[in-house]
């Protein structure tokens, strides 16, 4: 069985992403990721991306390099890059839905990432809760060039 890893990163969107733009991005990503055996999760809010990529190390490194070169992303920052024993998002197809923080608590599969069945908003302090909680709360977000008045 090949070794697998996950890479978690955050980036700032360089353009506005409405429903049509997110749908297009996800359709392109879904096809490309399926071809190379990558899975994961993508969150987008207020001009910021947070993504977990899973797969073979070489594949994930190439995907991340492609993302850093994508003009739709700026300030790409790796948060975690490490081997994993199993995929957390192996059955997830890329798609999106507008959800409130309250609705996040009940998304099927989101809780599976945390291995104890708790929603990330209810977890004790830990790496995953801090990362996703910061994303959901917006406390870590950099301002996009447009928002900063550039």
N, C-alpha and C. Protein backbone atom coordinates (compact mmCIF):
# COMPACT_ATOMS: atom_id res chain seq x y z
N UNK A 1 0.85 -1.18 0.00
CA UNK A 1 0.00 0.00 0.00
C UNK A 1 0.90 1.24 0.00
N UNK A 2 0.65 2.20 -0.92
CA UNK A 2 1.52 3.39 -0.98
C UNK A 2 1.34 4.26 0.26
N UNK A 3 2.40 4.98 0.60
CA UNK A 3 2.31 5.90 1.73
C UNK A 3 1.45 7.09 1.32
N UNK A 4 0.74 7.64 2.29
CA UNK A 4 -0.08 8.81 2.01
C UNK A 4 0.24 9.90 3.02
N UNK A 5 -0.07 11.11 2.63
CA UNK A 5 0.18 12.26 3.48
C UNK A 5 -0.99 13.21 3.36
N UNK A 6 -1.04 14.15 4.28
CA UNK A 6 -1.95 15.26 4.07
C UNK A 6 -1.16 16.56 4.17
N UNK A 7 -1.63 17.52 3.42
CA UNK A 7 -1.06 18.85 3.41
C UNK A 7 -2.22 19.80 3.64
N UNK A 8 -2.09 20.61 4.67
CA UNK A 8 -3.13 21.59 4.99
C UNK A 8 -2.53 22.97 4.76
N UNK A 9 -3.24 23.78 3.98
CA UNK A 9 -2.74 25.11 3.69
C UNK A 9 -3.87 26.13 3.76
N UNK A 10 -3.48 27.37 3.83
CA UNK A 10 -4.41 28.49 3.76
C UNK A 10 -3.89 29.46 2.71
N UNK A 11 -4.81 30.17 2.05
CA UNK A 11 -4.41 31.19 1.09
C UNK A 11 -5.48 32.28 1.03
N UNK A 12 -5.10 33.38 0.43
CA UNK A 12 -6.00 34.50 0.23
C UNK A 12 -6.41 34.52 -1.23
N UNK A 13 -7.70 34.66 -1.49
CA UNK A 13 -8.19 34.75 -2.87
C UNK A 13 -7.81 36.11 -3.44
N UNK A 14 -7.38 36.12 -4.68
CA UNK A 14 -7.00 37.37 -5.34
C UNK A 14 -8.16 37.97 -6.13
N UNK A 15 -9.29 37.28 -6.12
CA UNK A 15 -10.48 37.77 -6.79
C UNK A 15 -11.69 37.34 -5.99
N UNK A 16 -12.83 37.94 -6.28
CA UNK A 16 -14.07 37.56 -5.61
C UNK A 16 -14.52 36.21 -6.14
N UNK A 17 -15.00 35.35 -5.27
CA UNK A 17 -15.51 34.05 -5.66
C UNK A 17 -16.98 33.98 -5.28
N UNK A 18 -17.82 34.12 -6.29
CA UNK A 18 -19.25 33.90 -6.10
C UNK A 18 -19.57 32.45 -6.40
N UNK A 19 -20.84 32.15 -6.43
CA UNK A 19 -21.28 30.78 -6.67
C UNK A 19 -20.75 30.24 -8.00
N UNK A 20 -20.83 31.02 -9.06
CA UNK A 20 -20.38 30.55 -10.38
C UNK A 20 -18.88 30.27 -10.38
N UNK A 21 -18.09 31.15 -9.78
CA UNK A 21 -16.64 30.96 -9.76
C UNK A 21 -16.25 29.77 -8.89
N UNK A 22 -16.91 29.59 -7.76
CA UNK A 22 -16.61 28.44 -6.90
C UNK A 22 -17.00 27.13 -7.61
N UNK A 23 -18.14 27.15 -8.28
CA UNK A 23 -18.57 25.95 -9.01
C UNK A 23 -17.55 25.58 -10.09
N UNK A 24 -17.08 26.56 -10.82
CA UNK A 24 -16.09 26.30 -11.87
C UNK A 24 -14.78 25.78 -11.28
N UNK A 25 -14.30 26.41 -10.22
CA UNK A 25 -13.08 25.96 -9.55
C UNK A 25 -13.22 24.52 -9.07
N UNK A 26 -14.34 24.21 -8.47
CA UNK A 26 -14.55 22.87 -7.93
C UNK A 26 -14.69 21.82 -9.02
N UNK A 27 -15.35 22.16 -10.12
CA UNK A 27 -15.46 21.20 -11.23
C UNK A 27 -14.09 20.87 -11.80
N UNK A 28 -13.26 21.89 -11.99
CA UNK A 28 -11.91 21.66 -12.52
C UNK A 28 -11.08 20.84 -11.53
N UNK A 29 -11.16 21.19 -10.26
CA UNK A 29 -10.39 20.49 -9.23
C UNK A 29 -10.84 19.05 -9.07
N UNK A 30 -12.13 18.83 -9.10
CA UNK A 30 -12.66 17.47 -8.93
C UNK A 30 -12.11 16.54 -10.00
N UNK A 31 -12.13 16.99 -11.25
CA UNK A 31 -11.62 16.16 -12.34
C UNK A 31 -10.12 15.92 -12.20
N UNK A 32 -9.36 16.96 -11.93
CA UNK A 32 -7.90 16.83 -11.81
C UNK A 32 -7.52 15.95 -10.63
N UNK A 33 -8.17 16.13 -9.49
CA UNK A 33 -7.85 15.35 -8.30
C UNK A 33 -8.21 13.88 -8.47
N UNK A 34 -9.32 13.62 -9.13
CA UNK A 34 -9.71 12.23 -9.35
C UNK A 34 -8.68 11.50 -10.20
N UNK A 35 -8.15 12.18 -11.21
CA UNK A 35 -7.14 11.56 -12.10
C UNK A 35 -5.90 11.14 -11.33
N UNK A 36 -5.51 11.89 -10.30
CA UNK A 36 -4.27 11.59 -9.58
C UNK A 36 -4.48 10.94 -8.21
N UNK A 37 -5.74 10.66 -7.87
CA UNK A 37 -6.02 9.98 -6.61
C UNK A 37 -5.93 10.86 -5.38
N UNK A 38 -6.17 12.15 -5.53
CA UNK A 38 -6.14 13.07 -4.39
C UNK A 38 -7.55 13.28 -3.86
N UNK A 39 -7.65 13.37 -2.54
CA UNK A 39 -8.93 13.67 -1.89
C UNK A 39 -8.69 14.84 -0.94
N UNK A 40 -9.75 15.30 -0.32
CA UNK A 40 -9.57 16.38 0.63
C UNK A 40 -10.82 17.17 0.89
N UNK A 41 -10.61 18.35 1.44
CA UNK A 41 -11.69 19.24 1.83
C UNK A 41 -11.22 20.66 1.55
N UNK A 42 -12.13 21.49 1.03
CA UNK A 42 -11.83 22.89 0.75
C UNK A 42 -12.88 23.75 1.43
N UNK A 43 -12.41 24.70 2.22
CA UNK A 43 -13.29 25.69 2.83
C UNK A 43 -12.98 27.04 2.22
N UNK A 44 -14.01 27.84 2.01
CA UNK A 44 -13.83 29.19 1.49
C UNK A 44 -14.77 30.11 2.24
N UNK A 45 -14.24 31.21 2.73
CA UNK A 45 -15.06 32.22 3.40
C UNK A 45 -14.35 33.56 3.35
N UNK A 46 -15.11 34.57 3.03
CA UNK A 46 -14.62 35.95 3.08
C UNK A 46 -13.28 36.16 2.39
N UNK A 47 -13.10 35.56 1.23
CA UNK A 47 -11.88 35.77 0.46
C UNK A 47 -10.70 34.93 0.89
N UNK A 48 -10.93 33.89 1.67
CA UNK A 48 -9.85 33.03 2.16
C UNK A 48 -10.16 31.57 1.90
N UNK A 49 -9.11 30.80 1.57
CA UNK A 49 -9.22 29.37 1.37
C UNK A 49 -8.49 28.65 2.50
N UNK A 50 -9.02 27.50 2.86
CA UNK A 50 -8.39 26.58 3.80
C UNK A 50 -8.63 25.21 3.21
N UNK A 51 -7.56 24.46 2.94
CA UNK A 51 -7.75 23.18 2.28
C UNK A 51 -6.89 22.09 2.90
N UNK A 52 -7.47 20.90 2.94
CA UNK A 52 -6.76 19.68 3.31
C UNK A 52 -6.67 18.85 2.03
N UNK A 53 -5.45 18.51 1.63
CA UNK A 53 -5.21 17.63 0.49
C UNK A 53 -4.65 16.32 1.01
N UNK A 54 -5.11 15.20 0.46
CA UNK A 54 -4.64 13.89 0.88
C UNK A 54 -4.24 13.07 -0.34
N UNK A 55 -3.19 12.29 -0.20
CA UNK A 55 -2.78 11.41 -1.28
C UNK A 55 -1.32 11.03 -1.17
N UNK A 56 -0.80 10.47 -2.25
CA UNK A 56 0.61 10.09 -2.27
C UNK A 56 1.46 11.36 -2.18
N UNK A 57 2.58 11.31 -1.46
CA UNK A 57 3.39 12.52 -1.25
C UNK A 57 3.77 13.28 -2.51
N UNK A 58 4.21 12.59 -3.55
CA UNK A 58 4.60 13.27 -4.78
C UNK A 58 3.42 13.98 -5.44
N UNK A 59 2.27 13.34 -5.41
CA UNK A 59 1.05 13.91 -5.99
C UNK A 59 0.66 15.17 -5.24
N UNK A 60 0.65 15.09 -3.92
CA UNK A 60 0.23 16.22 -3.11
C UNK A 60 1.21 17.38 -3.24
N UNK A 61 2.50 17.09 -3.29
CA UNK A 61 3.49 18.16 -3.47
C UNK A 61 3.27 18.88 -4.81
N UNK A 62 3.00 18.12 -5.87
CA UNK A 62 2.75 18.72 -7.19
C UNK A 62 1.47 19.56 -7.18
N UNK A 63 0.42 19.05 -6.53
CA UNK A 63 -0.83 19.81 -6.45
C UNK A 63 -0.62 21.13 -5.72
N UNK A 64 0.09 21.06 -4.60
CA UNK A 64 0.32 22.30 -3.84
C UNK A 64 1.16 23.29 -4.64
N UNK A 65 2.15 22.80 -5.35
CA UNK A 65 2.98 23.69 -6.18
C UNK A 65 2.11 24.36 -7.24
N UNK A 66 1.21 23.59 -7.83
CA UNK A 66 0.29 24.16 -8.83
C UNK A 66 -0.59 25.24 -8.20
N UNK A 67 -1.07 25.00 -7.00
CA UNK A 67 -1.90 25.98 -6.30
C UNK A 67 -1.11 27.25 -6.03
N UNK A 68 0.14 27.12 -5.61
CA UNK A 68 0.95 28.32 -5.33
C UNK A 68 1.20 29.14 -6.58
N UNK A 69 1.16 28.51 -7.75
CA UNK A 69 1.36 29.22 -9.01
C UNK A 69 0.05 29.76 -9.60
N UNK A 70 -1.06 29.35 -9.04
CA UNK A 70 -2.39 29.76 -9.52
C UNK A 70 -2.62 31.22 -9.13
N UNK A 71 -2.90 32.05 -10.09
CA UNK A 71 -3.07 33.49 -9.85
C UNK A 71 -4.31 33.82 -9.02
N UNK A 72 -5.15 32.84 -8.77
CA UNK A 72 -6.33 33.05 -7.92
C UNK A 72 -5.98 32.96 -6.43
N UNK A 73 -4.76 32.48 -6.13
CA UNK A 73 -4.32 32.33 -4.74
C UNK A 73 -3.13 33.24 -4.46
N UNK A 74 -3.10 33.83 -3.29
CA UNK A 74 -1.94 34.60 -2.82
C UNK A 74 -1.68 34.20 -1.37
N UNK A 75 -0.48 34.49 -0.91
CA UNK A 75 -0.10 34.21 0.48
C UNK A 75 -0.38 32.76 0.88
N UNK A 76 -0.03 31.83 -0.01
CA UNK A 76 -0.21 30.40 0.31
C UNK A 76 0.73 30.03 1.45
N UNK A 77 0.18 29.42 2.46
CA UNK A 77 0.95 29.05 3.64
C UNK A 77 0.64 27.62 4.05
N UNK A 78 1.66 26.78 4.08
CA UNK A 78 1.48 25.41 4.56
C UNK A 78 1.34 25.46 6.07
N UNK A 79 0.31 24.83 6.55
CA UNK A 79 0.07 24.76 8.00
C UNK A 79 0.58 23.44 8.54
N UNK A 80 0.26 22.35 7.84
CA UNK A 80 0.71 21.02 8.24
C UNK A 80 1.02 20.22 6.98
N UNK A 81 2.13 19.51 7.01
CA UNK A 81 2.49 18.56 5.95
C UNK A 81 3.08 17.37 6.68
N UNK A 82 2.35 16.23 6.65
CA UNK A 82 2.83 15.07 7.39
C UNK A 82 2.20 13.79 6.85
N UNK A 83 2.87 12.66 7.10
CA UNK A 83 2.30 11.36 6.71
C UNK A 83 1.05 11.08 7.55
N UNK A 84 0.11 10.36 6.96
CA UNK A 84 -1.08 9.94 7.70
C UNK A 84 -1.30 8.45 7.48
N UNK A 85 -1.97 7.82 8.43
CA UNK A 85 -2.23 6.38 8.35
C UNK A 85 -3.39 6.07 7.40
N UNK A 86 -4.36 6.99 7.34
CA UNK A 86 -5.52 6.78 6.48
C UNK A 86 -6.11 8.12 6.07
N UNK A 87 -6.88 8.10 5.02
CA UNK A 87 -7.53 9.31 4.54
C UNK A 87 -8.70 9.67 5.45
N UNK A 88 -8.88 10.94 5.68
CA UNK A 88 -10.04 11.41 6.42
C UNK A 88 -11.17 11.80 5.48
N UNK A 89 -10.85 12.09 4.21
CA UNK A 89 -11.84 12.55 3.25
C UNK A 89 -11.87 11.66 2.02
N UNK A 90 -11.65 10.38 2.18
CA UNK A 90 -11.57 9.46 1.06
C UNK A 90 -12.83 9.34 0.24
N UNK A 91 -13.97 9.60 0.83
CA UNK A 91 -15.25 9.47 0.12
C UNK A 91 -15.84 10.82 -0.25
N UNK A 92 -15.10 11.88 -0.07
CA UNK A 92 -15.64 13.21 -0.34
C UNK A 92 -15.43 13.59 -1.78
N UNK A 93 -16.49 14.08 -2.40
CA UNK A 93 -16.42 14.66 -3.73
C UNK A 93 -16.42 16.17 -3.53
N UNK A 94 -15.65 16.86 -4.34
CA UNK A 94 -15.58 18.30 -4.15
C UNK A 94 -16.88 18.95 -4.59
N UNK A 95 -17.44 19.71 -3.71
CA UNK A 95 -18.65 20.46 -3.96
C UNK A 95 -18.74 21.51 -2.88
N UNK A 96 -19.77 22.32 -2.93
CA UNK A 96 -19.88 23.30 -1.86
C UNK A 96 -21.33 23.64 -1.59
N UNK A 97 -21.52 24.19 -0.45
CA UNK A 97 -22.81 24.68 -0.03
C UNK A 97 -22.56 25.83 0.92
N UNK A 98 -23.38 26.82 0.84
CA UNK A 98 -23.27 27.93 1.80
C UNK A 98 -23.87 27.44 3.12
N UNK A 99 -23.07 27.50 4.17
CA UNK A 99 -23.54 27.03 5.48
C UNK A 99 -23.15 28.02 6.55
N UNK A 100 -23.97 28.08 7.56
CA UNK A 100 -23.68 28.92 8.72
C UNK A 100 -22.83 28.13 9.70
N UNK A 101 -22.20 28.81 10.65
CA UNK A 101 -21.44 28.06 11.68
C UNK A 101 -22.30 27.03 12.40
N UNK A 102 -23.55 27.33 12.60
CA UNK A 102 -24.45 26.38 13.27
C UNK A 102 -24.65 25.14 12.40
N UNK A 103 -24.79 25.35 11.09
CA UNK A 103 -24.98 24.23 10.19
C UNK A 103 -23.71 23.37 10.08
N UNK A 104 -22.54 23.96 10.27
CA UNK A 104 -21.30 23.19 10.22
C UNK A 104 -21.31 22.06 11.23
N UNK A 105 -21.96 22.27 12.34
CA UNK A 105 -21.98 21.27 13.39
C UNK A 105 -22.66 19.98 12.95
N UNK A 106 -23.51 20.06 11.91
CA UNK A 106 -24.29 18.88 11.54
C UNK A 106 -23.93 18.32 10.16
N UNK A 107 -22.85 18.80 9.52
CA UNK A 107 -22.49 18.29 8.20
C UNK A 107 -21.95 16.87 8.32
N UNK A 108 -22.60 15.96 7.61
CA UNK A 108 -22.17 14.56 7.62
C UNK A 108 -20.75 14.47 7.07
N UNK A 109 -19.88 13.80 7.77
CA UNK A 109 -18.51 13.60 7.32
C UNK A 109 -17.53 14.60 7.88
N UNK A 110 -17.96 15.82 8.13
CA UNK A 110 -17.04 16.81 8.67
C UNK A 110 -16.52 16.35 10.03
N UNK A 111 -17.41 15.82 10.83
CA UNK A 111 -17.02 15.37 12.16
C UNK A 111 -16.07 14.18 12.13
N UNK A 112 -16.12 13.39 11.05
CA UNK A 112 -15.26 12.21 10.95
C UNK A 112 -13.78 12.57 10.97
N UNK A 113 -13.44 13.76 10.51
CA UNK A 113 -12.06 14.22 10.48
C UNK A 113 -11.44 14.25 11.86
N UNK A 114 -12.27 14.38 12.88
CA UNK A 114 -11.77 14.56 14.24
C UNK A 114 -11.72 13.28 15.05
N UNK A 115 -12.10 12.16 14.44
CA UNK A 115 -11.92 10.82 14.99
C UNK A 115 -12.66 10.54 16.29
N UNK A 116 -13.31 11.52 16.91
CA UNK A 116 -14.06 11.20 18.12
C UNK A 116 -15.54 11.47 17.94
N UNK A 117 -15.95 11.81 16.72
CA UNK A 117 -17.35 12.02 16.43
C UNK A 117 -17.87 13.37 16.86
N UNK A 118 -17.03 14.20 17.46
CA UNK A 118 -17.47 15.52 17.88
C UNK A 118 -17.36 16.50 16.72
N UNK A 119 -18.19 17.48 16.74
CA UNK A 119 -18.05 18.56 15.77
C UNK A 119 -16.86 19.41 16.18
N UNK A 120 -16.17 19.99 15.21
CA UNK A 120 -14.96 20.74 15.56
C UNK A 120 -15.25 21.89 16.51
N UNK A 121 -16.45 22.40 16.51
CA UNK A 121 -16.76 23.51 17.42
C UNK A 121 -16.91 23.04 18.87
N UNK A 122 -16.98 21.71 19.07
CA UNK A 122 -17.15 21.17 20.41
C UNK A 122 -15.91 20.44 20.93
N UNK A 123 -14.84 20.40 20.16
CA UNK A 123 -13.65 19.66 20.57
C UNK A 123 -12.87 20.39 21.66
N UNK A 124 -12.13 19.59 22.42
CA UNK A 124 -11.18 20.18 23.34
C UNK A 124 -10.08 20.83 22.52
N UNK A 125 -9.26 21.64 23.18
CA UNK A 125 -8.18 22.32 22.47
C UNK A 125 -7.31 21.29 21.76
N UNK A 126 -6.95 21.58 20.55
CA UNK A 126 -6.11 20.71 19.76
C UNK A 126 -5.87 21.35 18.41
N UNK A 127 -4.96 20.78 17.67
CA UNK A 127 -4.54 21.36 16.40
C UNK A 127 -5.70 21.55 15.42
N UNK A 128 -6.49 20.49 15.18
CA UNK A 128 -7.57 20.60 14.20
C UNK A 128 -8.61 21.62 14.63
N UNK A 129 -8.98 21.62 15.90
CA UNK A 129 -9.97 22.59 16.36
C UNK A 129 -9.44 24.00 16.24
N UNK A 130 -8.22 24.21 16.60
CA UNK A 130 -7.65 25.55 16.51
C UNK A 130 -7.62 26.04 15.07
N UNK A 131 -7.22 25.17 14.15
CA UNK A 131 -7.14 25.56 12.75
C UNK A 131 -8.51 25.87 12.18
N UNK A 132 -9.44 24.94 12.32
CA UNK A 132 -10.76 25.14 11.74
C UNK A 132 -11.56 26.18 12.51
N UNK A 133 -11.37 26.25 13.80
CA UNK A 133 -12.04 27.29 14.58
C UNK A 133 -11.56 28.67 14.18
N UNK A 134 -10.27 28.80 13.95
CA UNK A 134 -9.73 30.09 13.50
C UNK A 134 -10.27 30.45 12.14
N UNK A 135 -10.38 29.45 11.27
CA UNK A 135 -10.94 29.71 9.95
C UNK A 135 -12.39 30.16 10.07
N UNK A 136 -13.18 29.41 10.82
CA UNK A 136 -14.60 29.73 10.94
C UNK A 136 -14.80 31.09 11.60
N UNK A 137 -13.95 31.43 12.57
CA UNK A 137 -14.09 32.69 13.28
C UNK A 137 -13.44 33.87 12.59
N UNK A 138 -12.59 33.59 11.61
CA UNK A 138 -11.96 34.66 10.85
C UNK A 138 -10.79 35.33 11.54
N UNK A 139 -10.36 34.84 12.69
CA UNK A 139 -9.31 35.54 13.45
C UNK A 139 -7.94 35.48 12.79
N UNK A 140 -7.68 34.52 11.92
CA UNK A 140 -6.36 34.36 11.31
C UNK A 140 -6.26 35.02 9.95
N UNK A 141 -7.38 35.38 9.37
CA UNK A 141 -7.42 35.78 7.96
C UNK A 141 -6.60 37.03 7.65
N UNK A 142 -5.86 36.90 6.60
CA UNK A 142 -5.19 38.07 6.03
C UNK A 142 -6.21 38.77 5.15
N UNK A 143 -6.00 40.04 4.94
CA UNK A 143 -6.89 40.77 4.07
C UNK A 143 -6.44 40.61 2.63
N UNK A 144 -7.39 40.40 1.74
CA UNK A 144 -7.05 40.31 0.33
C UNK A 144 -6.62 41.69 -0.14
N UNK A 145 -5.89 41.73 -1.26
CA UNK A 145 -5.39 43.00 -1.79
C UNK A 145 -6.55 43.96 -2.05
N UNK A 146 -7.67 43.46 -2.55
CA UNK A 146 -8.82 44.31 -2.84
C UNK A 146 -9.37 44.89 -1.55
N UNK A 147 -9.52 44.05 -0.53
CA UNK A 147 -10.08 44.51 0.76
C UNK A 147 -9.14 45.49 1.44
N UNK A 148 -7.85 45.34 1.22
CA UNK A 148 -6.87 46.21 1.86
C UNK A 148 -6.72 47.54 1.11
N UNK A 149 -7.45 47.66 -0.01
CA UNK A 149 -7.40 48.90 -0.76
C UNK A 149 -6.27 48.98 -1.76
N UNK A 150 -5.70 47.82 -2.10
CA UNK A 150 -4.60 47.81 -3.07
C UNK A 150 -5.11 47.84 -4.48
